[in-house]
Amino acid sequence: MKIHFRDVQTGSVEARAVIEIEEGVFFNEVTILNVEGQIVVEFPKKSFMGKTKKTFYIDIVTFEDNDKRVLWEFQIKEAYREWRKTNKKVLVYENN
């Protein structure tokens, strides 16, 4: 599995990831968040509005058990930490 990161730095979003699951097959819009100092991996979801005007969310990627999901999250977090070592954050502030 190859993972390509893109720096975002908007709010709690640290980066976005594109994961090459196998050669030529890509999984987009995996979000890397910084929530209270912890790195969190968020997989994309599809949202739709039901007949009652309530919004429902469906995971785009489904894992057969929670262990596989945790393993994927761990691998993505480790890859992100390695990527961040060579791609330091540069914060840019505007003067008012």
PDB file of N, CA and C in Angstrom:
ATOM      1  N   MET A   1       0.856  -1.172   0.000  1.00  0.00           N
ATOM      2  CA  MET A   1       0.000   0.000   0.000  1.00  0.00           C
ATOM      3  C   MET A   1       0.901   1.234   0.000  1.00  0.00           C
ATOM      4  N   LYS A   2       0.727   2.091  -0.994  1.00  0.00           N
ATOM      5  CA  LYS A   2       1.470   3.351  -1.072  1.00  0.00           C
ATOM      6  C   LYS A   2       0.525   4.477  -0.684  1.00  0.00           C
ATOM      7  N   ILE A   3       1.036   5.428   0.094  1.00  0.00           N
ATOM      8  CA  ILE A   3       0.215   6.545   0.552  1.00  0.00           C
ATOM      9  C   ILE A   3       0.894   7.843   0.154  1.00  0.00           C
ATOM     10  N   HIS A   4       0.125   8.735  -0.452  1.00  0.00           N
ATOM     11  CA  HIS A   4       0.616  10.047  -0.860  1.00  0.00           C
ATOM     12  C   HIS A   4      -0.146  11.092  -0.048  1.00  0.00           C
ATOM     13  N   PHE A   5       0.582  11.993   0.609  1.00  0.00           N
ATOM     14  CA  PHE A   5      -0.038  13.006   1.447  1.00  0.00           C
ATOM     15  C   PHE A   5       0.041  14.372   0.795  1.00  0.00           C
ATOM     16  N   ARG A   6      -0.944  15.208   1.132  1.00  0.00           N
ATOM     17  CA  ARG A   6      -0.980  16.607   0.691  1.00  0.00           C
ATOM     18  C   ARG A   6      -1.262  17.456   1.923  1.00  0.00           C
ATOM     19  N   ASP A   7      -0.406  18.419   2.200  1.00  0.00           N
ATOM     20  CA  ASP A   7      -0.557  19.276   3.371  1.00  0.00           C
ATOM     21  C   ASP A   7      -1.777  20.171   3.220  1.00  0.00           C
ATOM     22  N   VAL A   8      -2.569  20.324   4.286  1.00  0.00           N
ATOM     23  CA  VAL A   8      -3.764  21.158   4.241  1.00  0.00           C
ATOM     24  C   VAL A   8      -3.665  22.310   5.221  1.00  0.00           C
ATOM     25  N   GLN A   9      -3.452  22.033   6.500  1.00  0.00           N
ATOM     26  CA  GLN A   9      -3.306  23.036   7.551  1.00  0.00           C
ATOM     27  C   GLN A   9      -4.481  23.997   7.653  1.00  0.00           C
ATOM     28  N   THR A  10      -5.679  23.477   7.662  1.00  0.00           N
ATOM     29  CA  THR A  10      -6.866  24.288   7.870  1.00  0.00           C
ATOM     30  C   THR A  10      -7.583  23.746   9.095  1.00  0.00           C
ATOM     31  N   GLY A  11      -7.642  24.524  10.158  1.00  0.00           N
ATOM     32  CA  GLY A  11      -8.289  24.060  11.375  1.00  0.00           C
ATOM     33  C   GLY A  11      -7.570  22.842  11.934  1.00  0.00           C
ATOM     34  N   SER A  12      -8.342  21.792  12.219  1.00  0.00           N
ATOM     35  CA  SER A  12      -7.745  20.580  12.783  1.00  0.00           C
ATOM     36  C   SER A  12      -7.266  19.616  11.712  1.00  0.00           C
ATOM     37  N   VAL A  13      -7.483  19.952  10.437  1.00  0.00           N
ATOM     38  CA  VAL A  13      -7.053  19.077   9.342  1.00  0.00           C
ATOM     39  C   VAL A  13      -5.558  19.267   9.104  1.00  0.00           C
ATOM     40  N   GLU A  14      -4.821  18.185   9.221  1.00  0.00           N
ATOM     41  CA  GLU A  14      -3.370  18.216   9.017  1.00  0.00           C
ATOM     42  C   GLU A  14      -3.016  17.958   7.556  1.00  0.00           C
ATOM     43  N   ALA A  15      -3.647  16.944   6.970  1.00  0.00           N
ATOM     44  CA  ALA A  15      -3.304  16.547   5.604  1.00  0.00           C
ATOM     45  C   ALA A  15      -4.434  15.698   5.019  1.00  0.00           C
ATOM     46  N   ARG A  16      -4.374  15.517   3.711  1.00  0.00           N
ATOM     47  CA  ARG A  16      -5.258  14.584   3.013  1.00  0.00           C
ATOM     48  C   ARG A  16      -4.359  13.513   2.407  1.00  0.00           C
ATOM     49  N   ALA A  17      -4.904  12.311   2.301  1.00  0.00           N
ATOM     50  CA  ALA A  17      -4.113  11.201   1.786  1.00  0.00           C
ATOM     51  C   ALA A  17      -4.829  10.543   0.616  1.00  0.00           C
ATOM     52  N   VAL A  18      -4.032  10.106  -0.344  1.00  0.00           N
ATOM     53  CA  VAL A  18      -4.499   9.258  -1.440  1.00  0.00           C
ATOM     54  C   VAL A  18      -3.751   7.945  -1.268  1.00  0.00           C
ATOM     55  N   ILE A  19      -4.505   6.864  -1.159  1.00  0.00           N
ATOM     56  CA  ILE A  19      -3.906   5.557  -0.900  1.00  0.00           C
ATOM     57  C   ILE A  19      -4.000   4.711  -2.151  1.00  0.00           C
ATOM     58  N   GLU A  20      -2.861   4.203  -2.594  1.00  0.00           N
ATOM     59  CA  GLU A  20      -2.842   3.272  -3.722  1.00  0.00           C
ATOM     60  C   GLU A  20      -2.986   1.873  -3.127  1.00  0.00           C
ATOM     61  N   ILE A  21      -4.183   1.311  -3.252  1.00  0.00           N
ATOM     62  CA  ILE A  21      -4.494   0.016  -2.652  1.00  0.00           C
ATOM     63  C   ILE A  21      -3.734  -1.090  -3.368  1.00  0.00           C
ATOM     64  N   GLU A  22      -3.763  -1.048  -4.674  1.00  0.00           N
ATOM     65  CA  GLU A  22      -2.927  -1.910  -5.503  1.00  0.00           C
ATOM     66  C   GLU A  22      -2.588  -1.107  -6.737  1.00  0.00           C
ATOM     67  N   GLU A  23      -1.735  -1.596  -7.573  1.00  0.00           N
ATOM     68  CA  GLU A  23      -1.245  -0.806  -8.693  1.00  0.00           C
ATOM     69  C   GLU A  23      -2.397  -0.295  -9.552  1.00  0.00           C
ATOM     70  N   GLY A  24      -2.495   1.031  -9.629  1.00  0.00           N
ATOM     71  CA  GLY A  24      -3.515   1.660 -10.459  1.00  0.00           C
ATOM     72  C   GLY A  24      -4.876   1.814  -9.809  1.00  0.00           C
ATOM     73  N   VAL A  25      -5.050   1.401  -8.545  1.00  0.00           N
ATOM     74  CA  VAL A  25      -6.325   1.542  -7.831  1.00  0.00           C
ATOM     75  C   VAL A  25      -6.093   2.466  -6.643  1.00  0.00           C
ATOM     76  N   PHE A  26      -6.788   3.626  -6.644  1.00  0.00           N
ATOM     77  CA  PHE A  26      -6.559   4.655  -5.636  1.00  0.00           C
ATOM     78  C   PHE A  26      -7.810   4.881  -4.793  1.00  0.00           C
ATOM     79  N   PHE A  27      -7.589   5.195  -3.523  1.00  0.00           N
ATOM     80  CA  PHE A  27      -8.631   5.540  -2.575  1.00  0.00           C
ATOM     81  C   PHE A  27      -8.359   6.973  -2.145  1.00  0.00           C
ATOM     82  N   ASN A  28      -9.283   7.907  -2.439  1.00  0.00           N
ATOM     83  CA  ASN A  28      -9.077   9.338  -2.214  1.00  0.00           C
ATOM     84  C   ASN A  28      -9.731   9.847  -0.946  1.00  0.00           C
ATOM     85  N   GLU A  29      -9.320  11.047  -0.568  1.00  0.00           N
ATOM     86  CA  GLU A  29      -9.942  11.839   0.491  1.00  0.00           C
ATOM     87  C   GLU A  29      -9.935  11.205   1.873  1.00  0.00           C
ATOM     88  N   VAL A  30      -8.853  10.542   2.215  1.00  0.00           N
ATOM     89  CA  VAL A  30      -8.653  10.123   3.597  1.00  0.00           C
ATOM     90  C   VAL A  30      -8.085  11.347   4.307  1.00  0.00           C
ATOM     91  N   THR A  31      -8.680  11.720   5.429  1.00  0.00           N
ATOM     92  CA  THR A  31      -8.296  12.940   6.118  1.00  0.00           C
ATOM     93  C   THR A  31      -7.503  12.610   7.379  1.00  0.00           C
ATOM     94  N   ILE A  32      -6.406  13.330   7.570  1.00  0.00           N
ATOM     95  CA  ILE A  32      -5.596  13.207   8.776  1.00  0.00           C
ATOM     96  C   ILE A  32      -5.911  14.422   9.639  1.00  0.00           C
ATOM     97  N   LEU A  33      -6.421  14.174  10.839  1.00  0.00           N
ATOM     98  CA  LEU A  33      -6.827  15.242  11.746  1.00  0.00           C
ATOM     99  C   LEU A  33      -5.917  15.283  12.968  1.00  0.00           C
ATOM    100  N   ASN A  34      -5.840  16.455  13.574  1.00  0.00           N
ATOM    101  CA  ASN A  34      -5.170  16.614  14.859  1.00  0.00           C
ATOM    102  C   ASN A  34      -6.252  17.007  15.854  1.00  0.00           C
ATOM    103  N   VAL A  35      -6.693  16.041  16.657  1.00  0.00           N
ATOM    104  CA  VAL A  35      -7.756  16.273  17.625  1.00  0.00           C
ATOM    105  C   VAL A  35      -7.139  16.207  19.014  1.00  0.00           C
ATOM    106  N   GLU A  36      -7.041  17.361  19.650  1.00  0.00           N
ATOM    107  CA  GLU A  36      -6.478  17.480  20.993  1.00  0.00           C
ATOM    108  C   GLU A  36      -5.090  16.853  21.092  1.00  0.00           C
ATOM    109  N   GLY A  37      -4.260  17.087  20.073  1.00  0.00           N
ATOM    110  CA  GLY A  37      -2.891  16.595  20.066  1.00  0.00           C
ATOM    111  C   GLY A  37      -2.724  15.159  19.584  1.00  0.00           C
ATOM    112  N   GLN A  38      -3.810  14.485  19.274  1.00  0.00           N
ATOM    113  CA  GLN A  38      -3.761  13.109  18.785  1.00  0.00           C
ATOM    114  C   GLN A  38      -4.022  13.080  17.277  1.00  0.00           C
ATOM    115  N   ILE A  39      -3.281  12.251  16.554  1.00  0.00           N
ATOM    116  CA  ILE A  39      -3.507  12.075  15.123  1.00  0.00           C
ATOM    117  C   ILE A  39      -4.674  11.106  14.936  1.00  0.00           C
ATOM    118  N   VAL A  40      -5.667  11.522  14.162  1.00  0.00           N
ATOM    119  CA  VAL A  40      -6.861  10.718  13.908  1.00  0.00           C
ATOM    120  C   VAL A  40      -7.020  10.566  12.404  1.00  0.00           C
ATOM    121  N   VAL A  41      -7.334   9.356  11.956  1.00  0.00           N
ATOM    122  CA  VAL A  41      -7.583   9.079  10.538  1.00  0.00           C
ATOM    123  C   VAL A  41      -9.090   9.036  10.333  1.00  0.00           C
ATOM    124  N   GLU A  42      -9.561   9.815   9.362  1.00  0.00           N
ATOM    125  CA  GLU A  42     -10.994   9.843   9.056  1.00  0.00           C
ATOM    126  C   GLU A  42     -11.190   9.387   7.615  1.00  0.00           C
ATOM    127  N   PHE A  43     -11.944   8.315   7.453  1.00  0.00           N
ATOM    128  CA  PHE A  43     -12.243   7.801   6.117  1.00  0.00           C
ATOM    129  C   PHE A  43     -13.446   8.549   5.549  1.00  0.00           C
ATOM    130  N   PRO A  44     -13.530   8.685   4.227  1.00  0.00           N
ATOM    131  CA  PRO A  44     -14.636   9.432   3.626  1.00  0.00           C
ATOM    132  C   PRO A  44     -15.974   8.732   3.820  1.00  0.00           C
ATOM    133  N   LYS A  45     -17.028   9.556   3.848  1.00  0.00           N
ATOM    134  CA  LYS A  45     -18.395   9.051   3.991  1.00  0.00           C
ATOM    135  C   LYS A  45     -19.267   9.671   2.915  1.00  0.00           C
ATOM    136  N   LYS A  46     -20.305   8.972   2.557  1.00  0.00           N
ATOM    137  CA  LYS A  46     -21.305   9.472   1.622  1.00  0.00           C
ATOM    138  C   LYS A  46     -22.494   9.913   2.455  1.00  0.00           C
ATOM    139  N   SER A  47     -23.007  11.091   2.195  1.00  0.00           N
ATOM    140  CA  SER A  47     -24.178  11.566   2.933  1.00  0.00           C
ATOM    141  C   SER A  47     -25.357  11.717   1.973  1.00  0.00           C
ATOM    142  N   PHE A  48     -26.532  11.476   2.488  1.00  0.00           N
ATOM    143  CA  PHE A  48     -27.752  11.679   1.708  1.00  0.00           C
ATOM    144  C   PHE A  48     -28.885  12.018   2.658  1.00  0.00           C
ATOM    145  N   MET A  49     -29.902  12.692   2.119  1.00  0.00           N
ATOM    146  CA  MET A  49     -31.033  13.104   2.916  1.00  0.00           C
ATOM    147  C   MET A  49     -32.180  12.128   2.689  1.00  0.00           C
ATOM    148  N   GLY A  50     -32.754  11.654   3.779  1.00  0.00           N
ATOM    149  CA  GLY A  50     -33.870  10.717   3.707  1.00  0.00           C
ATOM    150  C   GLY A  50     -35.185  11.430   3.479  1.00  0.00           C
ATOM    151  N   LYS A  51     -36.258  10.653   3.411  1.00  0.00           N
ATOM    152  CA  LYS A  51     -37.591  11.215   3.179  1.00  0.00           C
ATOM    153  C   LYS A  51     -38.026  12.152   4.297  1.00  0.00           C
ATOM    154  N   THR A  52     -37.540  11.892   5.493  1.00  0.00           N
ATOM    155  CA  THR A  52     -37.906  12.718   6.644  1.00  0.00           C
ATOM    156  C   THR A  52     -36.997  13.939   6.792  1.00  0.00           C
ATOM    157  N   LYS A  53     -36.170  14.199   5.776  1.00  0.00           N
ATOM    158  CA  LYS A  53     -35.212  15.320   5.753  1.00  0.00           C
ATOM    159  C   LYS A  53     -34.079  15.146   6.756  1.00  0.00           C
ATOM    160  N   LYS A  54     -33.902  13.937   7.252  1.00  0.00           N
ATOM    161  CA  LYS A  54     -32.787  13.628   8.148  1.00  0.00           C
ATOM    162  C   LYS A  54     -31.606  13.196   7.290  1.00  0.00           C
ATOM    163  N   THR A  55     -30.396  13.646   7.647  1.00  0.00           N
ATOM    164  CA  THR A  55     -29.199  13.299   6.898  1.00  0.00           C
ATOM    165  C   THR A  55     -28.621  11.991   7.419  1.00  0.00           C
ATOM    166  N   PHE A  56     -28.319  11.086   6.503  1.00  0.00           N
ATOM    167  CA  PHE A  56     -27.721   9.795   6.836  1.00  0.00           C
ATOM    168  C   PHE A  56     -26.328   9.734   6.239  1.00  0.00           C
ATOM    169  N   TYR A  57     -25.435   8.995   6.902  1.00  0.00           N
ATOM    170  CA  TYR A  57     -24.060   8.847   6.448  1.00  0.00           C
ATOM    171  C   TYR A  57     -23.742   7.369   6.287  1.00  0.00           C
ATOM    172  N   ILE A  58     -23.051   7.047   5.191  1.00  0.00           N
ATOM    173  CA  ILE A  58     -22.629   5.675   4.913  1.00  0.00           C
ATOM    174  C   ILE A  58     -21.124   5.693   4.685  1.00  0.00           C
ATOM    175  N   ASP A  59     -20.422   4.780   5.340  1.00  0.00           N
ATOM    176  CA  ASP A  59     -18.986   4.656   5.110  1.00  0.00           C
ATOM    177  C   ASP A  59     -18.743   4.164   3.689  1.00  0.00           C
ATOM    178  N   ILE A  60     -17.816   4.793   2.986  1.00  0.00           N
ATOM    179  CA  ILE A  60     -17.486   4.380   1.629  1.00  0.00           C
ATOM    180  C   ILE A  60     -16.663   3.103   1.658  1.00  0.00           C
ATOM    181  N   VAL A  61     -15.789   2.982   2.650  1.00  0.00           N
ATOM    182  CA  VAL A  61     -14.992   1.764   2.810  1.00  0.00           C
ATOM    183  C   VAL A  61     -15.512   1.036   4.041  1.00  0.00           C
ATOM    184  N   THR A  62     -15.771  -0.254   3.868  1.00  0.00           N
ATOM    185  CA  THR A  62     -16.254  -1.069   4.971  1.00  0.00           C
ATOM    186  C   THR A  62     -15.241  -2.166   5.249  1.00  0.00           C
ATOM    187  N   PHE A  63     -14.971  -2.395   6.512  1.00  0.00           N
ATOM    188  CA  PHE A  63     -14.037  -3.430   6.934  1.00  0.00           C
ATOM    189  C   PHE A  63     -14.827  -4.594   7.516  1.00  0.00           C
ATOM    190  N   GLU A  64     -14.327  -5.810   7.310  1.00  0.00           N
ATOM    191  CA  GLU A  64     -15.061  -6.963   7.807  1.00  0.00           C
ATOM    192  C   GLU A  64     -15.061  -7.058   9.327  1.00  0.00           C
ATOM    193  N   ASP A  65     -14.037  -6.487   9.961  1.00  0.00           N
ATOM    194  CA  ASP A  65     -14.037  -6.411  11.417  1.00  0.00           C
ATOM    195  C   ASP A  65     -13.227  -5.190  11.857  1.00  0.00           C
ATOM    196  N   ASN A  66     -13.380  -4.841  13.110  1.00  0.00           N
ATOM    197  CA  ASN A  66     -12.735  -3.635  13.624  1.00  0.00           C
ATOM    198  C   ASN A  66     -11.213  -3.756  13.649  1.00  0.00           C
ATOM    199  N   ASP A  67     -10.691  -4.975  13.788  1.00  0.00           N
ATOM    200  CA  ASP A  67      -9.235  -5.165  13.806  1.00  0.00           C
ATOM    201  C   ASP A  67      -8.593  -4.709  12.497  1.00  0.00           C
ATOM    202  N   LYS A  68      -9.237  -4.999  11.380  1.00  0.00           N
ATOM    203  CA  LYS A  68      -8.689  -4.573  10.079  1.00  0.00           C
ATOM    204  C   LYS A  68      -8.712  -3.053   9.949  1.00  0.00           C
ATOM    205  N   ARG A  69      -9.772  -2.432  10.448  1.00  0.00           N
ATOM    206  CA  ARG A  69      -9.859  -0.968  10.404  1.00  0.00           C
ATOM    207  C   ARG A  69      -8.744  -0.351  11.247  1.00  0.00           C
ATOM    208  N   VAL A  70      -8.539  -0.872  12.455  1.00  0.00           N
ATOM    209  CA  VAL A  70      -7.500  -0.361  13.350  1.00  0.00           C
ATOM    210  C   VAL A  70      -6.120  -0.541  12.715  1.00  0.00           C
ATOM    211  N   LEU A  71      -5.891  -1.671  12.058  1.00  0.00           N
ATOM    212  CA  LEU A  71      -4.613  -1.921  11.389  1.00  0.00           C
ATOM    213  C   LEU A  71      -4.380  -0.910  10.276  1.00  0.00           C
ATOM    214  N   TRP A  72      -5.399  -0.622   9.447  1.00  0.00           N
ATOM    215  CA  TRP A  72      -5.281   0.381   8.379  1.00  0.00           C
ATOM    216  C   TRP A  72      -4.979   1.753   8.978  1.00  0.00           C
ATOM    217  N   GLU A  73      -5.724   2.122  10.021  1.00  0.00           N
ATOM    218  CA  GLU A  73      -5.500   3.416  10.655  1.00  0.00           C
ATOM    219  C   GLU A  73      -4.070   3.519  11.185  1.00  0.00           C
ATOM    220  N   PHE A  74      -3.588   2.456  11.801  1.00  0.00           N
ATOM    221  CA  PHE A  74      -2.220   2.442  12.332  1.00  0.00           C
ATOM    222  C   PHE A  74      -1.199   2.624  11.209  1.00  0.00           C
ATOM    223  N   GLN A  75      -1.372   1.904  10.101  1.00  0.00           N
ATOM    224  CA  GLN A  75      -0.434   2.017   8.976  1.00  0.00           C
ATOM    225  C   GLN A  75      -0.453   3.418   8.389  1.00  0.00           C
ATOM    226  N   ILE A  76      -1.622   4.022   8.296  1.00  0.00           N
ATOM    227  CA  ILE A  76      -1.733   5.381   7.741  1.00  0.00           C
ATOM    228  C   ILE A  76      -1.079   6.384   8.687  1.00  0.00           C
ATOM    229  N   LYS A  77      -1.310   6.243   9.988  1.00  0.00           N
ATOM    230  CA  LYS A  77      -0.696   7.143  10.970  1.00  0.00           C
ATOM    231  C   LYS A  77       0.828   7.051  10.933  1.00  0.00           C
ATOM    232  N   GLU A  78       1.353   5.834  10.854  1.00  0.00           N
ATOM    233  CA  GLU A  78       2.805   5.658  10.793  1.00  0.00           C
ATOM    234  C   GLU A  78       3.380   6.279   9.524  1.00  0.00           C
ATOM    235  N   ALA A  79       2.713   6.066   8.392  1.00  0.00           N
ATOM    236  CA  ALA A  79       3.167   6.660   7.132  1.00  0.00           C
ATOM    237  C   ALA A  79       3.115   8.187   7.211  1.00  0.00           C
ATOM    238  N   TYR A  80       2.082   8.725   7.858  1.00  0.00           N
ATOM    239  CA  TYR A  80       1.964  10.178   8.012  1.00  0.00           C
ATOM    240  C   TYR A  80       3.105  10.727   8.866  1.00  0.00           C
ATOM    241  N   ARG A  81       3.403  10.045   9.969  1.00  0.00           N
ATOM    242  CA  ARG A  81       4.496  10.508  10.833  1.00  0.00           C
ATOM    243  C   ARG A  81       5.830  10.504  10.092  1.00  0.00           C
ATOM    244  N   GLU A  82       6.079   9.478   9.303  1.00  0.00           N
ATOM    245  CA  GLU A  82       7.315   9.421   8.505  1.00  0.00           C
ATOM    246  C   GLU A  82       7.335  10.533   7.462  1.00  0.00           C
ATOM    247  N   TRP A  83       6.197  10.781   6.808  1.00  0.00           N
ATOM    248  CA  TRP A  83       6.105  11.841   5.806  1.00  0.00           C
ATOM    249  C   TRP A  83       6.327  13.200   6.455  1.00  0.00           C
ATOM    250  N   ARG A  84       5.756  13.393   7.640  1.00  0.00           N
ATOM    251  CA  ARG A  84       5.869  14.675   8.321  1.00  0.00           C
ATOM    252  C   ARG A  84       7.310  14.955   8.744  1.00  0.00           C
ATOM    253  N   LYS A  85       8.117  13.935   8.991  1.00  0.00           N
ATOM    254  CA  LYS A  85       9.523  14.133   9.349  1.00  0.00           C
ATOM    255  C   LYS A  85      10.289  14.829   8.234  1.00  0.00           C
ATOM    256  N   THR A  86       9.943  14.537   6.982  1.00  0.00           N
ATOM    257  CA  THR A  86      10.646  15.149   5.852  1.00  0.00           C
ATOM    258  C   THR A  86       9.901  16.354   5.290  1.00  0.00           C
ATOM    259  N   ASN A  87       8.664  16.568   5.709  1.00  0.00           N
ATOM    260  CA  ASN A  87       7.846  17.687   5.236  1.00  0.00           C
ATOM    261  C   ASN A  87       7.327  18.459   6.438  1.00  0.00           C
ATOM    262  N   LYS A  88       8.193  19.277   6.991  1.00  0.00           N
ATOM    263  CA  LYS A  88       7.832  20.040   8.184  1.00  0.00           C
ATOM    264  C   LYS A  88       6.747  21.050   7.875  1.00  0.00           C
ATOM    265  N   LYS A  89       5.950  21.368   8.896  1.00  0.00           N
ATOM    266  CA  LYS A  89       4.910  22.385   8.753  1.00  0.00           C
ATOM    267  C   LYS A  89       5.540  23.748   8.682  1.00  0.00           C
ATOM    268  N   VAL A  90       4.970  24.586   7.830  1.00  0.00           N
ATOM    269  CA  VAL A  90       5.379  25.983   7.753  1.00  0.00           C
ATOM    270  C   VAL A  90       4.112  26.800   7.969  1.00  0.00           C
ATOM    271  N   LEU A  91       4.043  27.470   9.083  1.00  0.00           N
ATOM    272  CA  LEU A  91       2.864  28.268   9.388  1.00  0.00           C
ATOM    273  C   LEU A  91       3.060  29.671   8.843  1.00  0.00           C
ATOM    274  N   VAL A  92       2.069  30.157   8.161  1.00  0.00           N
ATOM    275  CA  VAL A  92       2.122  31.485   7.566  1.00  0.00           C
ATOM    276  C   VAL A  92       1.013  32.315   8.205  1.00  0.00           C
ATOM    277  N   TYR A  93       1.375  33.457   8.754  1.00  0.00           N
ATOM    278  CA  TYR A  93       0.417  34.326   9.400  1.00  0.00           C
ATOM    279  C   TYR A  93       0.327  35.633   8.621  1.00  0.00           C
ATOM    280  N   GLU A  94      -0.888  36.200   8.571  1.00  0.00           N
ATOM    281  CA  GLU A  94      -1.073  37.487   7.921  1.00  0.00           C
ATOM    282  C   GLU A  94      -0.986  38.584   8.966  1.00  0.00           C
ATOM    283  N   ASN A  95      -0.364  39.704   8.601  1.00  0.00           N
ATOM    284  CA  ASN A  95      -0.331  40.865   9.491  1.00  0.00           C
ATOM    285  C   ASN A  95      -1.578  41.697   9.256  1.00  0.00           C
ATOM    286  N   ASN A  96      -2.245  42.065  10.331  1.00  0.00           N
ATOM    287  CA  ASN A  96      -3.460  42.891  10.197  1.00  0.00           C
ATOM    288  C   ASN A  96      -3.146  44.338  10.356  1.00  0.00           C
TER     289      ASN A  96
END
